[in-house]
Amino acid sequence: MNSSTDIELMQQLRGGSESALRQLIERHSERLYRLAYHLLNDRDAASDAVQETFIRLWKHSRRYDPSKSLSTWLCTICARRCYDERRSQRRRGSRSHPHERRPCESQPIRGTHRRPRKTETIWNTMNS
């Protein structure tokens, strides 16, 4: 288990380290997924928001200010992505309220987030 700090991993990521990105995904994806699911109440949309967050991290790692919390920065990116998705849903005429539950989503989401699959999907997206 690697005990590198977020700052160290971000320095490595700026140098193009895929290993650093994988570690950051493993470290932060579950928290980001919970945030996205809370805001969107849709598992697929939440997974998409998390993937987009890490793609943006990869593409814009130089924008990160190491004097600030990486977790907060990632949550901000993810939340903004979720707000964009909610606006898009309203324009398309999707559910009118983001917290309106569908019957199959009334159960807790524990254990439904599969990090290895998410990591692979993110890599496939970035490498295409």
Protein backbone atom coordinates (compact mmCIF):
# COMPACT_ATOMS: atom_id res chain seq x y z
CA MET A 1 0.00 0.00 0.00
CA ASN A 2 1.42 3.35 -1.03
CA SER A 3 1.30 6.08 1.59
CA SER A 4 2.04 9.01 -0.72
CA THR A 5 0.18 12.18 0.13
CA ASP A 6 -2.25 13.79 -2.28
CA ILE A 7 0.27 16.56 -2.91
CA GLU A 8 2.99 14.06 -3.79
CA LEU A 9 0.62 12.18 -6.07
CA MET A 10 -0.43 15.41 -7.78
CA GLN A 11 3.23 16.27 -8.40
CA GLN A 12 3.69 12.85 -9.97
CA LEU A 13 0.48 13.26 -11.97
CA ARG A 14 1.74 16.55 -13.38
CA GLY A 15 4.71 14.58 -14.64
CA GLY A 16 2.36 12.17 -16.42
CA SER A 17 2.30 9.35 -13.87
CA GLU A 18 -0.57 6.98 -14.58
CA SER A 19 0.18 5.19 -11.32
CA ALA A 20 -0.43 8.41 -9.41
CA LEU A 21 -3.78 8.84 -11.13
CA ARG A 22 -4.78 5.27 -10.30
CA GLN A 23 -3.94 5.87 -6.64
CA LEU A 24 -5.95 9.10 -6.58
CA ILE A 25 -8.90 7.33 -8.18
CA GLU A 26 -8.73 4.58 -5.58
CA ARG A 27 -8.44 7.11 -2.78
CA HIS A 28 -11.18 9.55 -3.79
CA SER A 29 -13.69 7.78 -6.09
CA GLU A 30 -15.97 6.42 -3.38
CA ARG A 31 -16.43 9.81 -1.70
CA LEU A 32 -17.05 11.47 -5.07
CA TYR A 33 -19.56 8.79 -6.00
CA ARG A 34 -21.50 9.35 -2.77
CA LEU A 35 -21.56 13.11 -3.46
CA ALA A 36 -22.67 12.64 -7.06
CA TYR A 37 -25.35 10.13 -6.10
CA HIS A 38 -26.65 12.49 -3.42
CA LEU A 39 -26.92 15.31 -5.96
CA LEU A 40 -28.26 13.28 -8.89
CA ASN A 41 -30.00 10.31 -7.27
CA ASP A 42 -29.08 8.24 -10.30
CA ARG A 43 -26.38 5.58 -10.22
CA ASP A 44 -25.39 5.83 -13.88
CA ALA A 45 -25.29 9.63 -13.86
CA ALA A 46 -23.29 9.57 -10.61
CA SER A 47 -20.75 7.17 -12.13
CA ASP A 48 -20.49 9.38 -15.20
CA ALA A 49 -19.89 12.45 -13.03
CA VAL A 50 -17.09 10.68 -11.14
CA GLN A 51 -15.47 9.56 -14.39
CA GLU A 52 -15.66 13.08 -15.78
CA THR A 53 -14.12 14.43 -12.57
CA PHE A 54 -11.07 12.21 -12.95
CA ILE A 55 -10.76 12.94 -16.65
CA ARG A 56 -10.70 16.62 -15.79
CA LEU A 57 -8.14 15.95 -13.06
CA TRP A 58 -5.91 14.21 -15.61
CA LYS A 59 -6.28 16.95 -18.21
CA HIS A 60 -6.04 19.92 -15.83
CA SER A 61 -3.76 18.72 -13.04
CA ARG A 62 -1.60 21.83 -13.38
CA ARG A 63 -4.52 23.98 -12.20
CA TYR A 64 -4.45 22.39 -8.76
CA ASP A 65 -3.16 24.67 -6.00
CA PRO A 66 -1.19 22.50 -3.53
CA SER A 67 -1.95 24.94 -0.71
CA LYS A 68 -5.59 23.79 -0.93
CA SER A 69 -7.22 20.45 -0.17
CA LEU A 70 -7.29 18.10 -3.16
CA SER A 71 -10.40 16.43 -1.80
CA THR A 72 -12.24 19.76 -1.71
CA TRP A 73 -11.06 20.60 -5.24
CA LEU A 74 -12.25 17.24 -6.57
CA CYS A 75 -15.61 17.57 -4.77
CA THR A 76 -16.06 21.01 -6.34
CA ILE A 77 -15.34 19.65 -9.82
CA CYS A 78 -17.73 16.75 -9.25
CA ALA A 79 -20.50 18.92 -7.79
CA ARG A 80 -20.28 21.35 -10.71
CA ARG A 81 -20.54 18.43 -13.11
CA CYS A 82 -23.63 17.23 -11.24
CA TYR A 83 -25.23 20.68 -11.39
CA ASP A 84 -24.57 20.77 -15.13
CA GLU A 85 -26.24 17.37 -15.46
CA ARG A 86 -29.28 18.49 -13.47
CA ARG A 87 -29.65 21.56 -15.71
CA SER A 88 -29.37 19.33 -18.74
CA GLN A 89 -32.03 16.98 -17.34
CA ARG A 90 -34.41 19.90 -16.83
CA ARG A 91 -33.88 21.04 -20.42
CA ARG A 92 -34.56 17.52 -21.70
CA GLY A 93 -37.68 17.29 -19.53
CA SER A 94 -36.32 14.55 -17.28
CA ARG A 95 -37.42 14.16 -13.68
CA SER A 96 -38.42 17.53 -12.31
CA HIS A 97 -36.82 17.07 -8.90
CA PRO A 98 -33.34 15.55 -8.42
CA HIS A 99 -34.35 13.80 -5.18
CA GLU A 100 -37.44 12.13 -6.62
CA ARG A 101 -36.74 8.43 -6.16
CA ARG A 102 -37.49 5.69 -8.61
CA PRO A 103 -38.65 2.44 -6.94
CA CYS A 104 -35.44 0.54 -7.68
CA GLU A 105 -33.34 3.32 -6.16
CA SER A 106 -35.04 3.34 -2.77
CA GLN A 107 -32.49 0.93 -1.32
CA PRO A 108 -29.12 2.03 0.11
CA ILE A 109 -26.26 2.23 -2.36
CA ARG A 110 -23.62 0.55 -0.19
CA GLY A 111 -21.47 -1.84 -2.16
CA THR A 112 -22.76 -0.76 -5.56
CA HIS A 113 -19.75 1.31 -6.53
CA ARG A 114 -17.14 -0.83 -8.24
CA ARG A 115 -13.84 1.01 -8.18
CA PRO A 116 -11.79 -1.33 -10.43
CA ARG A 117 -14.38 -1.05 -13.21
CA LYS A 118 -14.49 2.71 -12.82
CA THR A 119 -10.71 2.92 -13.00
CA GLU A 120 -10.68 0.86 -16.19
CA THR A 121 -13.46 2.94 -17.76
CA ILE A 122 -11.63 6.15 -16.96
CA TRP A 123 -8.42 4.80 -18.50
CA ASN A 124 -10.23 3.65 -21.62
CA THR A 125 -11.83 7.09 -22.02
CA MET A 126 -8.55 8.96 -21.56
CA ASN A 127 -6.62 6.71 -23.90
CA SER A 128 -9.12 6.91 -26.77
